[in-house]
Amino acid sequence: MRAVNKYLIVKRLNEETVTKGGLLMSKAEEAEMRYQTGVVVTPGTLVEHIHEGDKVYFDKVYAFDVKIEGETMTIIQEKDIVVVF
């Protein structure tokens, strides 16, 4: 399995979101957030600065989920990544 061009295959991370005050955010509040975290499973053939295993924040509005080998993965474009850490 390999992404092509400027696309990436990402595994979404389901982390609990905690506010600065230490409160856990509800699922409804998390759903309102525009950005999601994930780990890059495979970058596309034309992606230069993002590598397999990188943790990223991406714009979930432009992402879409697919089933690959029985596991749900997210397909995004390189331009929709806002942070790599």
Protein backbone atom coordinates (compact mmCIF):
# COMPACT_ATOMS: atom_id res chain seq x y z
CA MET A 1 0.00 0.00 0.00
CA ARG A 2 1.46 3.34 -1.05
CA ALA A 3 0.03 6.81 -1.46
CA VAL A 4 0.73 8.64 -4.72
CA ASN A 5 1.50 12.24 -5.62
CA LYS A 6 0.82 14.74 -2.79
CA TYR A 7 -1.52 12.43 -0.84
CA LEU A 8 -0.72 10.80 2.51
CA ILE A 9 -2.25 7.88 4.36
CA VAL A 10 -2.71 8.78 8.03
CA LYS A 11 -3.88 6.82 11.06
CA ARG A 12 -6.03 9.12 13.23
CA LEU A 13 -5.07 9.31 16.90
CA ASN A 14 -7.91 9.22 19.40
CA GLU A 15 -6.33 11.18 22.21
CA GLU A 16 -8.27 12.75 25.04
CA THR A 17 -8.23 16.53 24.76
CA VAL A 18 -7.51 18.35 28.02
CA THR A 19 -7.96 22.11 28.47
CA LYS A 20 -5.32 24.30 30.12
CA GLY A 21 -7.40 24.14 33.30
CA GLY A 22 -7.21 20.33 33.30
CA LEU A 23 -10.77 19.59 32.15
CA LEU A 24 -11.48 16.83 29.64
CA MET A 25 -13.32 17.98 26.52
CA SER A 26 -16.49 16.12 25.57
CA LYS A 27 -16.81 14.28 22.25
CA ALA A 28 -19.17 17.01 21.02
CA GLU A 29 -16.60 19.72 21.80
CA GLU A 30 -13.85 17.71 20.10
CA ALA A 31 -16.07 17.29 17.01
CA GLU A 32 -16.27 21.09 16.72
CA MET A 33 -12.48 21.39 16.54
CA ARG A 34 -11.23 21.85 12.99
CA TYR A 35 -7.91 19.99 13.32
CA GLN A 36 -7.20 16.36 14.12
CA THR A 37 -3.98 14.56 15.05
CA GLY A 38 -2.64 11.51 13.27
CA VAL A 39 0.46 9.52 12.43
CA VAL A 40 1.65 9.27 8.84
CA VAL A 41 1.47 5.66 7.67
CA THR A 42 2.82 6.36 4.20
CA PRO A 43 3.55 9.63 2.40
CA GLY A 44 2.88 10.02 -1.31
CA THR A 45 5.54 9.81 -4.00
CA LEU A 46 5.80 13.62 -4.35
CA VAL A 47 5.76 14.48 -0.62
CA GLU A 48 9.18 15.78 0.38
CA HIS A 49 9.19 17.05 3.98
CA ILE A 50 6.81 14.69 5.75
CA HIS A 51 7.91 11.16 6.53
CA GLU A 52 6.46 7.87 7.69
CA GLY A 53 5.87 7.94 11.45
CA ASP A 54 5.60 11.75 11.70
CA LYS A 55 2.84 12.97 14.01
CA VAL A 56 0.77 15.68 12.29
CA TYR A 57 -2.16 18.04 12.78
CA PHE A 58 -4.36 18.10 9.69
CA ASP A 59 -7.53 19.85 8.57
CA LYS A 60 -10.19 17.18 9.00
CA VAL A 61 -12.65 19.04 6.78
CA TYR A 62 -10.71 17.91 3.70
CA ALA A 63 -9.85 14.41 4.92
CA PHE A 64 -11.74 11.25 4.05
CA ASP A 65 -11.70 7.78 5.60
CA VAL A 66 -11.23 4.50 3.75
CA LYS A 67 -10.95 0.88 4.80
CA ILE A 68 -7.53 -0.54 3.94
CA GLU A 69 -6.90 -4.18 4.84
CA GLY A 70 -9.78 -4.05 7.34
CA GLU A 71 -8.46 -0.95 9.14
CA THR A 72 -9.84 2.58 8.86
CA MET A 73 -7.25 5.00 7.47
CA THR A 74 -7.52 8.67 6.56
CA ILE A 75 -6.43 10.08 3.21
CA ILE A 76 -5.26 13.71 3.18
CA GLN A 77 -3.30 16.00 0.90
CA GLU A 78 0.04 17.47 1.92
CA LYS A 79 -1.42 21.00 1.78
CA ASP A 80 -3.93 20.10 4.52
CA ILE A 81 -1.21 19.44 7.12
CA VAL A 82 -0.72 22.43 9.40
CA VAL A 83 1.82 21.10 11.94
CA VAL A 84 4.41 18.31 11.98
CA PHE A 85 5.83 17.29 15.35
